[in-house]
PDB file of N, CA and C in Angstrom:
ATOM      1  N   MET A   1       0.868  -1.202  -0.005  1.00  0.00           N
ATOM      2  CA  MET A   1      -0.056   0.119  -0.030  1.00  0.00           C
ATOM      3  C   MET A   1       1.048   1.455   0.221  1.00  0.00           C
ATOM      4  N   GLY A   2       0.348   1.977  -0.699  1.00  0.00           N
ATOM      5  CA  GLY A   2       1.590   3.430  -0.864  1.00  0.00           C
ATOM      6  C   GLY A   2       0.970   4.547   0.297  1.00  0.00           C
ATOM      7  N   LYS A   3       1.826   5.741   0.131  1.00  0.00           N
ATOM      8  CA  LYS A   3       1.773   6.467   1.223  1.00  0.00           C
ATOM      9  C   LYS A   3       2.214   7.987   0.767  1.00  0.00           C
ATOM     10  N   PHE A   4       1.556   8.883   1.011  1.00  0.00           N
ATOM     11  CA  PHE A   4       2.118  10.159   0.601  1.00  0.00           C
ATOM     12  C   PHE A   4       3.184  10.653   1.800  1.00  0.00           C
ATOM     13  N   VAL A   5       4.489  11.145   1.452  1.00  0.00           N
ATOM     14  CA  VAL A   5       5.088  11.613   2.682  1.00  0.00           C
ATOM     15  C   VAL A   5       5.226  13.009   2.105  1.00  0.00           C
ATOM     16  N   LEU A   6       4.700  13.689   3.435  1.00  0.00           N
ATOM     17  CA  LEU A   6       4.940  15.068   3.315  1.00  0.00           C
ATOM     18  C   LEU A   6       6.066  15.592   3.955  1.00  0.00           C
ATOM     19  N   SER A   7       6.771  16.431   3.446  1.00  0.00           N
ATOM     20  CA  SER A   7       7.925  16.694   4.029  1.00  0.00           C
ATOM     21  C   SER A   7       8.192  18.526   3.507  1.00  0.00           C
ATOM     22  N   GLN A   8       8.932  19.399   4.732  1.00  0.00           N
ATOM     23  CA  GLN A   8       9.179  20.556   4.720  1.00  0.00           C
ATOM     24  C   GLN A   8      10.340  20.859   3.405  1.00  0.00           C
ATOM     25  N   ALA A   9      10.131  21.891   2.665  1.00  0.00           N
ATOM     26  CA  ALA A   9      11.464  22.230   1.480  1.00  0.00           C
ATOM     27  C   ALA A   9      11.882  23.364   2.183  1.00  0.00           C
ATOM     28  N   LYS A  10      13.233  23.917   1.533  1.00  0.00           N
ATOM     29  CA  LYS A  10      13.435  25.284   1.798  1.00  0.00           C
ATOM     30  C   LYS A  10      12.296  26.161   1.750  1.00  0.00           C
ATOM     31  N   THR A  11      11.544  26.528   0.948  1.00  0.00           N
ATOM     32  CA  THR A  11      10.275  27.636   0.391  1.00  0.00           C
ATOM     33  C   THR A  11       9.135  26.874   1.086  1.00  0.00           C
ATOM     34  N   GLY A  12       8.838  25.843   1.691  1.00  0.00           N
ATOM     35  CA  GLY A  12       7.234  25.710   1.888  1.00  0.00           C
ATOM     36  C   GLY A  12       7.430  23.945   2.062  1.00  0.00           C
ATOM     37  N   TYR A  13       6.468  23.243   1.515  1.00  0.00           N
ATOM     38  CA  TYR A  13       6.118  21.918   1.710  1.00  0.00           C
ATOM     39  C   TYR A  13       6.184  21.255   0.222  1.00  0.00           C
ATOM     40  N   LYS A  14       6.323  19.983   0.500  1.00  0.00           N
ATOM     41  CA  LYS A  14       6.410  19.011  -0.996  1.00  0.00           C
ATOM     42  C   LYS A  14       5.785  17.621  -0.530  1.00  0.00           C
ATOM     43  N   PHE A  15       5.605  16.820  -1.167  1.00  0.00           N
ATOM     44  CA  PHE A  15       5.236  15.426  -0.855  1.00  0.00           C
ATOM     45  C   PHE A  15       5.565  14.600  -2.137  1.00  0.00           C
ATOM     46  N   ASN A  16       6.029  13.357  -1.850  1.00  0.00           N
ATOM     47  CA  ASN A  16       6.195  12.192  -2.531  1.00  0.00           C
ATOM     48  C   ASN A  16       5.213  11.088  -2.333  1.00  0.00           C
ATOM     49  N   LEU A  17       4.912  10.442  -3.447  1.00  0.00           N
ATOM     50  CA  LEU A  17       4.062   9.048  -3.461  1.00  0.00           C
ATOM     51  C   LEU A  17       5.045   8.191  -3.512  1.00  0.00           C
ATOM     52  N   VAL A  18       4.754   7.396  -2.134  1.00  0.00           N
ATOM     53  CA  VAL A  18       5.732   6.296  -2.265  1.00  0.00           C
ATOM     54  C   VAL A  18       5.177   5.205  -2.526  1.00  0.00           C
ATOM     55  N   ALA A  19       5.422   3.979  -3.194  1.00  0.00           N
ATOM     56  CA  ALA A  19       4.883   2.767  -3.468  1.00  0.00           C
ATOM     57  C   ALA A  19       5.066   1.778  -2.125  1.00  0.00           C
ATOM     58  N   GLY A  20       4.454   0.857  -1.997  1.00  0.00           N
ATOM     59  CA  GLY A  20       4.567  -0.097  -0.605  1.00  0.00           C
ATOM     60  C   GLY A  20       5.677  -0.886  -0.795  1.00  0.00           C
ATOM     61  N   ASN A  21       6.881  -0.402  -1.925  1.00  0.00           N
ATOM     62  CA  ASN A  21       8.258  -1.158  -2.022  1.00  0.00           C
ATOM     63  C   ASN A  21       8.977   0.070  -1.646  1.00  0.00           C
ATOM     64  N   GLY A  22       8.472   1.028  -1.287  1.00  0.00           N
ATOM     65  CA  GLY A  22       9.549   2.125  -0.782  1.00  0.00           C
ATOM     66  C   GLY A  22       9.740   3.019  -2.060  1.00  0.00           C
ATOM     67  N   GLU A  23       9.670   2.601  -3.125  1.00  0.00           N
ATOM     68  CA  GLU A  23       9.971   3.329  -4.227  1.00  0.00           C
ATOM     69  C   GLU A  23       9.179   4.582  -4.569  1.00  0.00           C
ATOM     70  N   VAL A  24       9.914   6.146  -4.957  1.00  0.00           N
ATOM     71  CA  VAL A  24       9.236   7.254  -5.107  1.00  0.00           C
ATOM     72  C   VAL A  24       8.779   6.854  -6.283  1.00  0.00           C
ATOM     73  N   ILE A  25       7.122   7.114  -6.510  1.00  0.00           N
ATOM     74  CA  ILE A  25       6.508   7.082  -8.071  1.00  0.00           C
ATOM     75  C   ILE A  25       6.213   8.081  -8.350  1.00  0.00           C
ATOM     76  N   ALA A  26       6.198   9.196  -7.806  1.00  0.00           N
ATOM     77  CA  ALA A  26       5.521  10.709  -8.290  1.00  0.00           C
ATOM     78  C   ALA A  26       5.769  11.724  -7.104  1.00  0.00           C
ATOM     79  N   SER A  27       6.277  12.804  -7.740  1.00  0.00           N
ATOM     80  CA  SER A  27       7.003  13.938  -6.516  1.00  0.00           C
ATOM     81  C   SER A  27       5.680  15.168  -7.242  1.00  0.00           C
ATOM     82  N   SER A  28       5.921  16.132  -6.027  1.00  0.00           N
ATOM     83  CA  SER A  28       4.738  17.551  -6.248  1.00  0.00           C
ATOM     84  C   SER A  28       5.978  18.314  -6.590  1.00  0.00           C
ATOM     85  N   GLN A  29       5.282  19.895  -6.601  1.00  0.00           N
ATOM     86  CA  GLN A  29       5.950  20.888  -6.785  1.00  0.00           C
ATOM     87  C   GLN A  29       6.120  21.496  -5.546  1.00  0.00           C
ATOM     88  N   VAL A  30       6.768  22.320  -5.192  1.00  0.00           N
ATOM     89  CA  VAL A  30       6.699  22.886  -3.773  1.00  0.00           C
ATOM     90  C   VAL A  30       5.419  24.247  -3.621  1.00  0.00           C
ATOM     91  N   TYR A  31       5.004  23.622  -2.426  1.00  0.00           N
ATOM     92  CA  TYR A  31       3.540  24.661  -2.092  1.00  0.00           C
ATOM     93  C   TYR A  31       4.223  25.427  -1.051  1.00  0.00           C
ATOM     94  N   LYS A  32       3.307  26.335  -0.689  1.00  0.00           N
ATOM     95  CA  LYS A  32       4.003  27.607   0.235  1.00  0.00           C
ATOM     96  C   LYS A  32       3.367  27.362   1.443  1.00  0.00           C
ATOM     97  N   THR A  33       2.205  26.260   1.987  1.00  0.00           N
ATOM     98  CA  THR A  33       2.001  26.090   3.166  1.00  0.00           C
ATOM     99  C   THR A  33       1.439  24.364   3.111  1.00  0.00           C
ATOM    100  N   GLU A  34       1.668  24.039   4.441  1.00  0.00           N
ATOM    101  CA  GLU A  34       1.163  22.799   4.568  1.00  0.00           C
ATOM    102  C   GLU A  34      -0.366  22.371   4.180  1.00  0.00           C
ATOM    103  N   ALA A  35      -0.885  23.280   4.191  1.00  0.00           N
ATOM    104  CA  ALA A  35      -2.407  22.983   3.970  1.00  0.00           C
ATOM    105  C   ALA A  35      -2.218  22.879   2.386  1.00  0.00           C
ATOM    106  N   THR A  36      -1.801  23.667   1.896  1.00  0.00           N
ATOM    107  CA  THR A  36      -1.926  23.644   0.178  1.00  0.00           C
ATOM    108  C   THR A  36      -1.506  22.206  -0.480  1.00  0.00           C
ATOM    109  N   ALA A  37      -0.423  21.772   0.187  1.00  0.00           N
ATOM    110  CA  ALA A  37       0.201  20.591  -0.278  1.00  0.00           C
ATOM    111  C   ALA A  37      -0.963  19.743   0.217  1.00  0.00           C
ATOM    112  N   LYS A  38      -1.324  19.630   1.301  1.00  0.00           N
ATOM    113  CA  LYS A  38      -2.487  18.894   1.349  1.00  0.00           C
ATOM    114  C   LYS A  38      -3.544  18.542   0.546  1.00  0.00           C
ATOM    115  N   LYS A  39      -3.917  19.733   0.239  1.00  0.00           N
ATOM    116  CA  LYS A  39      -4.905  19.815  -0.944  1.00  0.00           C
ATOM    117  C   LYS A  39      -4.177  19.200  -2.107  1.00  0.00           C
ATOM    118  N   GLY A  40      -3.158  19.571  -2.568  1.00  0.00           N
ATOM    119  CA  GLY A  40      -2.080  18.853  -3.651  1.00  0.00           C
ATOM    120  C   GLY A  40      -2.451  17.101  -3.395  1.00  0.00           C
ATOM    121  N   ILE A  41      -2.080  16.832  -2.365  1.00  0.00           N
ATOM    122  CA  ILE A  41      -2.494  15.009  -2.147  1.00  0.00           C
ATOM    123  C   ILE A  41      -3.698  14.951  -2.633  1.00  0.00           C
ATOM    124  N   ALA A  42      -4.767  15.820  -1.984  1.00  0.00           N
ATOM    125  CA  ALA A  42      -6.283  15.209  -2.219  1.00  0.00           C
ATOM    126  C   ALA A  42      -6.633  15.466  -3.712  1.00  0.00           C
ATOM    127  N   SER A  43      -5.752  16.202  -4.446  1.00  0.00           N
ATOM    128  CA  SER A  43      -5.853  16.413  -6.063  1.00  0.00           C
ATOM    129  C   SER A  43      -5.495  15.284  -6.354  1.00  0.00           C
ATOM    130  N   VAL A  44      -4.258  15.202  -6.374  1.00  0.00           N
ATOM    131  CA  VAL A  44      -3.520  13.864  -6.999  1.00  0.00           C
ATOM    132  C   VAL A  44      -4.538  12.512  -6.667  1.00  0.00           C
ATOM    133  N   SER A  45      -4.928  12.211  -5.580  1.00  0.00           N
ATOM    134  CA  SER A  45      -5.754  11.086  -5.013  1.00  0.00           C
ATOM    135  C   SER A  45      -6.895  10.797  -5.990  1.00  0.00           C
ATOM    136  N   ALA A  46      -7.583  12.172  -6.143  1.00  0.00           N
ATOM    137  CA  ALA A  46      -8.871  12.214  -7.024  1.00  0.00           C
ATOM    138  C   ALA A  46      -8.777  12.093  -8.388  1.00  0.00           C
ATOM    139  N   ASN A  47      -7.849  12.900  -8.954  1.00  0.00           N
ATOM    140  CA  ASN A  47      -7.269  12.775 -10.270  1.00  0.00           C
ATOM    141  C   ASN A  47      -6.733  11.373 -11.213  1.00  0.00           C
ATOM    142  N   ALA A  48      -5.776  10.800 -10.455  1.00  0.00           N
ATOM    143  CA  ALA A  48      -5.017   9.948 -10.927  1.00  0.00           C
ATOM    144  C   ALA A  48      -5.885   8.758 -11.371  1.00  0.00           C
ATOM    145  N   ALA A  49      -7.069   8.518 -10.600  1.00  0.00           N
ATOM    146  CA  ALA A  49      -7.794   7.278 -10.997  1.00  0.00           C
ATOM    147  C   ALA A  49      -8.664   7.387 -12.185  1.00  0.00           C
ATOM    148  N   VAL A  50      -8.986   8.454 -12.229  1.00  0.00           N
ATOM    149  CA  VAL A  50      -9.605   8.992 -13.651  1.00  0.00           C
ATOM    150  C   VAL A  50      -9.043   9.565 -14.986  1.00  0.00           C
ATOM    151  N   ALA A  51      -7.882   9.784 -14.532  1.00  0.00           N
ATOM    152  CA  ALA A  51      -6.636  10.348 -15.818  1.00  0.00           C
ATOM    153  C   ALA A  51      -6.264   9.496 -16.973  1.00  0.00           C
ATOM    154  N   LYS A  52      -6.819   9.844 -18.112  1.00  0.00           N
ATOM    155  CA  LYS A  52      -6.629   9.363 -19.118  1.00  0.00           C
ATOM    156  C   LYS A  52      -4.723   9.668 -19.729  1.00  0.00           C
ATOM    157  N   ILE A  53      -4.638   8.712 -20.491  1.00  0.00           N
ATOM    158  CA  ILE A  53      -2.906   8.713 -21.210  1.00  0.00           C
ATOM    159  C   ILE A  53      -3.146   9.357 -22.070  1.00  0.00           C
ATOM    160  N   GLU A  54      -2.251  10.714 -22.371  1.00  0.00           N
ATOM    161  CA  GLU A  54      -1.814  11.059 -23.490  1.00  0.00           C
ATOM    162  C   GLU A  54      -0.478  10.904 -23.895  1.00  0.00           C
ATOM    163  N   ASN A  55      -0.008   9.953 -24.842  1.00  0.00           N
ATOM    164  CA  ASN A  55       1.366   9.813 -25.120  1.00  0.00           C
ATOM    165  C   ASN A  55       1.949  10.585 -26.089  1.00  0.00           C
ATOM    166  N   GLN A  56       2.566  11.328 -25.528  1.00  0.00           N
ATOM    167  CA  GLN A  56       3.360  12.588 -26.829  1.00  0.00           C
ATOM    168  C   GLN A  56       4.269  12.305 -27.266  1.00  0.00           C
ATOM    169  N   THR A  57       4.823  11.124 -27.058  1.00  0.00           N
ATOM    170  CA  THR A  57       5.848  10.403 -27.876  1.00  0.00           C
ATOM    171  C   THR A  57       5.555   9.673 -28.987  1.00  0.00           C
ATOM    172  N   GLU A  58       3.943   9.867 -29.292  1.00  0.00           N
ATOM    173  CA  GLU A  58       3.397   8.997 -30.537  1.00  0.00           C
ATOM    174  C   GLU A  58       3.455  10.186 -31.709  1.00  0.00           C
ATOM    175  N   LYS A  59       3.729   9.676 -33.208  1.00  0.00           N
ATOM    176  CA  LYS A  59       3.504  10.576 -33.748  1.00  0.00           C
ATOM    177  C   LYS A  59       1.827  10.932 -34.021  1.00  0.00           C
ATOM    178  N   ASP A  60       1.687  12.365 -34.091  1.00  0.00           N
ATOM    179  CA  ASP A  60       0.309  12.671 -34.388  1.00  0.00           C
ATOM    180  C   ASP A  60      -0.547  11.645 -33.350  1.00  0.00           C
ATOM    181  N   PHE A  61      -0.239  12.106 -32.196  1.00  0.00           N
ATOM    182  CA  PHE A  61      -0.697  11.945 -31.179  1.00  0.00           C
ATOM    183  C   PHE A  61      -2.172  12.453 -30.817  1.00  0.00           C
ATOM    184  N   ALA A  62      -2.954  11.469 -30.114  1.00  0.00           N
ATOM    185  CA  ALA A  62      -4.614  12.220 -30.076  1.00  0.00           C
ATOM    186  C   ALA A  62      -4.389  13.016 -28.801  1.00  0.00           C
ATOM    187  N   PRO A  63      -4.705  14.355 -28.600  1.00  0.00           N
ATOM    188  CA  PRO A  63      -5.001  14.869 -27.273  1.00  0.00           C
ATOM    189  C   PRO A  63      -6.026  14.309 -26.672  1.00  0.00           C
ATOM    190  N   VAL A  64      -6.126  14.210 -25.261  1.00  0.00           N
ATOM    191  CA  VAL A  64      -7.125  13.679 -24.157  1.00  0.00           C
ATOM    192  C   VAL A  64      -7.008  14.951 -23.381  1.00  0.00           C
ATOM    193  N   THR A  65      -8.508  15.136 -22.642  1.00  0.00           N
ATOM    194  CA  THR A  65      -8.888  16.212 -21.775  1.00  0.00           C
ATOM    195  C   THR A  65      -8.372  15.965 -20.598  1.00  0.00           C
ATOM    196  N   ASN A  66      -8.167  17.107 -19.820  1.00  0.00           N
ATOM    197  CA  ASN A  66      -7.557  16.655 -18.135  1.00  0.00           C
ATOM    198  C   ASN A  66      -8.805  16.219 -17.800  1.00  0.00           C
ATOM    199  N   PRO A  67      -8.724  15.626 -16.497  1.00  0.00           N
ATOM    200  CA  PRO A  67      -7.223  15.341 -16.054  1.00  0.00           C
ATOM    201  C   PRO A  67      -6.547  14.072 -16.685  1.00  0.00           C
ATOM    202  N   LYS A  68      -5.625  14.215 -16.768  1.00  0.00           N
ATOM    203  CA  LYS A  68      -4.571  13.347 -17.782  1.00  0.00           C
ATOM    204  C   LYS A  68      -3.116  13.203 -17.315  1.00  0.00           C
ATOM    205  N   PHE A  69      -2.583  11.859 -17.642  1.00  0.00           N
ATOM    206  CA  PHE A  69      -1.145  11.762 -17.621  1.00  0.00           C
ATOM    207  C   PHE A  69      -0.599  12.154 -19.034  1.00  0.00           C
ATOM    208  N   GLU A  70       0.198  13.005 -19.116  1.00  0.00           N
ATOM    209  CA  GLU A  70       1.227  13.149 -20.438  1.00  0.00           C
ATOM    210  C   GLU A  70       2.225  12.539 -20.001  1.00  0.00           C
ATOM    211  N   VAL A  71       2.437  11.579 -21.159  1.00  0.00           N
ATOM    212  CA  VAL A  71       3.804  10.995 -21.220  1.00  0.00           C
ATOM    213  C   VAL A  71       4.810  11.734 -22.639  1.00  0.00           C
ATOM    214  N   TYR A  72       5.828  11.968 -21.998  1.00  0.00           N
ATOM    215  CA  TYR A  72       6.867  12.731 -22.755  1.00  0.00           C
ATOM    216  C   TYR A  72       8.357  12.239 -22.941  1.00  0.00           C
ATOM    217  N   LYS A  73       9.217  12.644 -23.531  1.00  0.00           N
ATOM    218  CA  LYS A  73      10.592  12.459 -23.351  1.00  0.00           C
ATOM    219  C   LYS A  73      11.101  13.799 -23.420  1.00  0.00           C
ATOM    220  N   ASP A  74      12.341  13.724 -22.384  1.00  0.00           N
ATOM    221  CA  ASP A  74      12.635  14.860 -21.678  1.00  0.00           C
ATOM    222  C   ASP A  74      14.306  14.940 -22.333  1.00  0.00           C
ATOM    223  N   LYS A  75      14.876  15.988 -22.127  1.00  0.00           N
ATOM    224  CA  LYS A  75      16.365  16.265 -23.225  1.00  0.00           C
ATOM    225  C   LYS A  75      17.400  15.122 -23.006  1.00  0.00           C
ATOM    226  N   LYS A  76      16.810  14.152 -21.979  1.00  0.00           N
ATOM    227  CA  LYS A  76      18.160  13.105 -21.931  1.00  0.00           C
ATOM    228  C   LYS A  76      17.476  12.079 -22.939  1.00  0.00           C
ATOM    229  N   GLY A  77      16.025  12.000 -23.410  1.00  0.00           N
ATOM    230  CA  GLY A  77      15.717  10.969 -24.070  1.00  0.00           C
ATOM    231  C   GLY A  77      14.774   9.971 -23.047  1.00  0.00           C
ATOM    232  N   GLU A  78      14.699  10.417 -21.957  1.00  0.00           N
ATOM    233  CA  GLU A  78      13.831   9.415 -21.134  1.00  0.00           C
ATOM    234  C   GLU A  78      12.389   9.884 -20.755  1.00  0.00           C
ATOM    235  N   PHE A  79      11.532   8.712 -20.807  1.00  0.00           N
ATOM    236  CA  PHE A  79      10.365   8.642 -20.876  1.00  0.00           C
ATOM    237  C   PHE A  79       9.519   9.264 -19.443  1.00  0.00           C
ATOM    238  N   ARG A  80       9.082  10.125 -19.437  1.00  0.00           N
ATOM    239  CA  ARG A  80       8.389  10.929 -18.014  1.00  0.00           C
ATOM    240  C   ARG A  80       6.936  10.924 -18.169  1.00  0.00           C
ATOM    241  N   PHE A  81       6.479  11.007 -16.995  1.00  0.00           N
ATOM    242  CA  PHE A  81       5.166  11.259 -17.224  1.00  0.00           C
ATOM    243  C   PHE A  81       4.667  12.761 -16.191  1.00  0.00           C
ATOM    244  N   ARG A  82       3.917  13.513 -16.423  1.00  0.00           N
ATOM    245  CA  ARG A  82       3.286  14.456 -15.403  1.00  0.00           C
ATOM    246  C   ARG A  82       1.453  14.206 -15.055  1.00  0.00           C
ATOM    247  N   LEU A  83       1.112  14.359 -13.950  1.00  0.00           N
ATOM    248  CA  LEU A  83      -0.017  14.075 -13.935  1.00  0.00           C
ATOM    249  C   LEU A  83      -0.845  15.944 -13.846  1.00  0.00           C
ATOM    250  N   LYS A  84      -1.883  16.260 -14.835  1.00  0.00           N
ATOM    251  CA  LYS A  84      -2.446  17.572 -14.679  1.00  0.00           C
ATOM    252  C   LYS A  84      -3.876  17.045 -14.153  1.00  0.00           C
ATOM    253  N   ALA A  85      -4.386  17.932 -13.382  1.00  0.00           N
ATOM    254  CA  ALA A  85      -5.431  17.975 -12.853  1.00  0.00           C
ATOM    255  C   ALA A  85      -6.527  18.648 -13.675  1.00  0.00           C
ATOM    256  N   LYS A  86      -7.803  18.484 -13.605  1.00  0.00           N
ATOM    257  CA  LYS A  86      -8.930  18.925 -14.546  1.00  0.00           C
ATOM    258  C   LYS A  86      -8.715  20.416 -14.862  1.00  0.00           C
ATOM    259  N   ASN A  87      -8.079  21.363 -14.086  1.00  0.00           N
ATOM    260  CA  ASN A  87      -7.696  22.697 -14.453  1.00  0.00           C
ATOM    261  C   ASN A  87      -6.754  23.018 -15.298  1.00  0.00           C
ATOM    262  N   GLY A  88      -5.670  21.673 -15.546  1.00  0.00           N
ATOM    263  CA  GLY A  88      -4.672  21.932 -16.358  1.00  0.00           C
ATOM    264  C   GLY A  88      -3.340  22.144 -15.518  1.00  0.00           C
ATOM    265  N   GLN A  89      -3.495  22.245 -13.870  1.00  0.00           N
ATOM    266  CA  GLN A  89      -2.204  22.636 -13.474  1.00  0.00           C
ATOM    267  C   GLN A  89      -1.416  21.021 -13.445  1.00  0.00           C
ATOM    268  N   ILE A  90      -0.156  21.302 -13.308  1.00  0.00           N
ATOM    269  CA  ILE A  90       0.260  20.050 -12.757  1.00  0.00           C
ATOM    270  C   ILE A  90       0.676  19.749 -11.496  1.00  0.00           C
ATOM    271  N   ILE A  91       0.118  18.518 -11.149  1.00  0.00           N
ATOM    272  CA  ILE A  91       0.043  18.300  -9.493  1.00  0.00           C
ATOM    273  C   ILE A  91       1.185  16.992  -9.069  1.00  0.00           C
ATOM    274  N   ALA A  92       1.694  16.333 -10.044  1.00  0.00           N
ATOM    275  CA  ALA A  92       2.668  15.425  -9.827  1.00  0.00           C
ATOM    276  C   ALA A  92       3.658  14.748 -11.005  1.00  0.00           C
ATOM    277  N   THR A  93       4.638  14.494 -10.959  1.00  0.00           N
ATOM    278  CA  THR A  93       5.386  14.089 -11.791  1.00  0.00           C
ATOM    279  C   THR A  93       6.414  12.710 -11.261  1.00  0.00           C
ATOM    280  N   GLY A  94       6.773  12.295 -12.673  1.00  0.00           N
ATOM    281  CA  GLY A  94       7.547  10.907 -12.305  1.00  0.00           C
ATOM    282  C   GLY A  94       8.932  11.160 -12.630  1.00  0.00           C
ATOM    283  N   GLU A  95       9.856  10.050 -12.248  1.00  0.00           N
ATOM    284  CA  GLU A  95      11.021   9.920 -12.870  1.00  0.00           C
ATOM    285  C   GLU A  95      11.128   9.712 -14.348  1.00  0.00           C
ATOM    286  N   GLY A  96      12.390   9.792 -14.198  1.00  0.00           N
ATOM    287  CA  GLY A  96      12.917   9.376 -15.955  1.00  0.00           C
ATOM    288  C   GLY A  96      12.992   7.775 -16.196  1.00  0.00           C
ATOM    289  N   TYR A  97      12.463   7.114 -17.173  1.00  0.00           N
ATOM    290  CA  TYR A  97      12.391   5.805 -17.439  1.00  0.00           C
ATOM    291  C   TYR A  97      13.298   5.699 -18.821  1.00  0.00           C
ATOM    292  N   SER A  98      13.895   4.780 -18.792  1.00  0.00           N
ATOM    293  CA  SER A  98      14.423   4.066 -20.310  1.00  0.00           C
ATOM    294  C   SER A  98      13.812   3.616 -21.568  1.00  0.00           C
ATOM    295  N   LYS A  99      12.631   3.154 -21.088  1.00  0.00           N
ATOM    296  CA  LYS A  99      11.601   2.493 -21.867  1.00  0.00           C
ATOM    297  C   LYS A  99      10.143   3.297 -21.680  1.00  0.00           C
ATOM    298  N   LEU A 100       9.529   3.064 -22.728  1.00  0.00           N
ATOM    299  CA  LEU A 100       7.924   3.608 -22.304  1.00  0.00           C
ATOM    300  C   LEU A 100       6.997   2.554 -21.719  1.00  0.00           C
ATOM    301  N   ASP A 101       7.344   1.569 -21.409  1.00  0.00           N
ATOM    302  CA  ASP A 101       6.706   0.409 -20.708  1.00  0.00           C
ATOM    303  C   ASP A 101       6.953   0.697 -19.153  1.00  0.00           C
ATOM    304  N   GLY A 102       8.274   1.111 -18.937  1.00  0.00           N
ATOM    305  CA  GLY A 102       8.741   0.988 -17.393  1.00  0.00           C
ATOM    306  C   GLY A 102       7.740   2.500 -17.164  1.00  0.00           C
ATOM    307  N   CYS A 103       7.816   3.508 -17.889  1.00  0.00           N
ATOM    308  CA  CYS A 103       6.978   4.857 -17.504  1.00  0.00           C
ATOM    309  C   CYS A 103       5.289   4.256 -17.675  1.00  0.00           C
ATOM    310  N   LEU A 104       4.992   3.766 -18.220  1.00  0.00           N
ATOM    311  CA  LEU A 104       3.309   3.411 -18.373  1.00  0.00           C
ATOM    312  C   LEU A 104       3.207   2.711 -16.925  1.00  0.00           C
ATOM    313  N   LYS A 105       3.903   1.844 -16.600  1.00  0.00           N
ATOM    314  CA  LYS A 105       4.285   0.742 -15.080  1.00  0.00           C
ATOM    315  C   LYS A 105       4.129   2.089 -14.000  1.00  0.00           C
ATOM    316  N   GLY A 106       4.992   2.981 -14.384  1.00  0.00           N
ATOM    317  CA  GLY A 106       4.850   3.723 -13.112  1.00  0.00           C
ATOM    318  C   GLY A 106       3.985   4.823 -13.119  1.00  0.00           C
ATOM    319  N   ILE A 107       2.958   5.017 -14.002  1.00  0.00           N
ATOM    320  CA  ILE A 107       1.754   5.891 -14.459  1.00  0.00           C
ATOM    321  C   ILE A 107       0.499   4.556 -13.313  1.00  0.00           C
ATOM    322  N   ALA A 108       0.690   3.219 -13.791  1.00  0.00           N
ATOM    323  CA  ALA A 108      -0.353   2.216 -13.163  1.00  0.00           C
ATOM    324  C   ALA A 108      -0.301   2.330 -11.668  1.00  0.00           C
ATOM    325  N   SER A 109       1.149   2.141 -11.167  1.00  0.00           N
ATOM    326  CA  SER A 109       1.378   2.451  -9.898  1.00  0.00           C
ATOM    327  C   SER A 109       0.762   3.623  -9.246  1.00  0.00           C
ATOM    328  N   VAL A 110       1.092   4.713  -9.774  1.00  0.00           N
ATOM    329  CA  VAL A 110       0.311   5.548  -9.392  1.00  0.00           C
ATOM    330  C   VAL A 110      -1.234   5.611  -9.006  1.00  0.00           C
ATOM    331  N   GLN A 111      -1.626   5.273  -9.871  1.00  0.00           N
ATOM    332  CA  GLN A 111      -3.075   5.098 -10.064  1.00  0.00           C
ATOM    333  C   GLN A 111      -3.780   3.897  -8.884  1.00  0.00           C
ATOM    334  N   LYS A 112      -2.673   3.048  -8.844  1.00  0.00           N
ATOM    335  CA  LYS A 112      -3.095   1.919  -7.797  1.00  0.00           C
ATOM    336  C   LYS A 112      -2.772   2.528  -6.685  1.00  0.00           C
ATOM    337  N   ASN A 113      -1.719   3.112  -6.126  1.00  0.00           N
ATOM    338  CA  ASN A 113      -1.303   3.632  -4.698  1.00  0.00           C
ATOM    339  C   ASN A 113      -2.214   4.875  -4.140  1.00  0.00           C
ATOM    340  N   ALA A 114      -2.281   6.077  -5.440  1.00  0.00           N
ATOM    341  CA  ALA A 114      -2.609   6.965  -4.686  1.00  0.00           C
ATOM    342  C   ALA A 114      -4.093   7.129  -4.220  1.00  0.00           C
ATOM    343  N   LYS A 115      -5.092   6.555  -4.697  1.00  0.00           N
ATOM    344  CA  LYS A 115      -6.528   6.623  -4.030  1.00  0.00           C
ATOM    345  C   LYS A 115      -6.588   6.088  -2.639  1.00  0.00           C
ATOM    346  N   ASP A 116      -6.245   5.463  -2.096  1.00  0.00           N
ATOM    347  CA  ASP A 116      -6.195   4.989  -0.631  1.00  0.00           C
ATOM    348  C   ASP A 116      -4.912   5.429   0.501  1.00  0.00           C
ATOM    349  N   ALA A 117      -4.112   5.853  -0.331  1.00  0.00           N
ATOM    350  CA  ALA A 117      -2.768   6.489   0.162  1.00  0.00           C
ATOM    351  C   ALA A 117      -2.717   7.251   1.394  1.00  0.00           C
ATOM    352  N   LYS A 118      -1.979   6.879   2.330  1.00  0.00           N
ATOM    353  CA  LYS A 118      -2.149   7.745   3.694  1.00  0.00           C
ATOM    354  C   LYS A 118      -0.931   8.747   3.729  1.00  0.00           C
ATOM    355  N   ILE A 119      -1.226  10.170   4.791  1.00  0.00           N
ATOM    356  CA  ILE A 119      -0.349  10.854   4.602  1.00  0.00           C
ATOM    357  C   ILE A 119       0.419  10.540   5.711  1.00  0.00           C
ATOM    358  N   VAL A 120       2.003  10.590   5.506  1.00  0.00           N
ATOM    359  CA  VAL A 120       2.657  10.718   6.634  1.00  0.00           C
ATOM    360  C   VAL A 120       3.680  11.764   6.544  1.00  0.00           C
ATOM    361  N   GLU A 121       3.801  12.577   7.585  1.00  0.00           N
ATOM    362  CA  GLU A 121       4.431  13.777   7.578  1.00  0.00           C
ATOM    363  C   GLU A 121       6.051  13.223   8.437  1.00  0.00           C
ATOM    364  N   LYS A 122       7.051  14.040   7.426  1.00  0.00           N
ATOM    365  CA  LYS A 122       8.289  13.696   7.623  1.00  0.00           C
ATOM    366  C   LYS A 122       8.986  14.702   8.607  1.00  0.00           C
TER     367      LYS A 122
END
């Protein structure tokens, strides 16, 4: 079972979604307050389960509406994802994966773990 690990950053608060095996599967931006970070966690929980996947690495990919997971390649050529809420805001990002399949498994893990994840404060 996953958990959201909420921690202080230099300029506010951030969180990581951690899978049952201890791996970080998604990270947040830095929020100004603990309360807004917790709202971000609630948004990830709500949106991850219903988000569609938009694979921007495909030629002529079909855009999908928010909420969505955008799959893209970074400057290093690694596959990454970002979860966007209904309003288009990025609410979580994933690590770099060498293969598309790994990135899609990361998305599936976020969808599985985010819905019932408890918040643990660090």
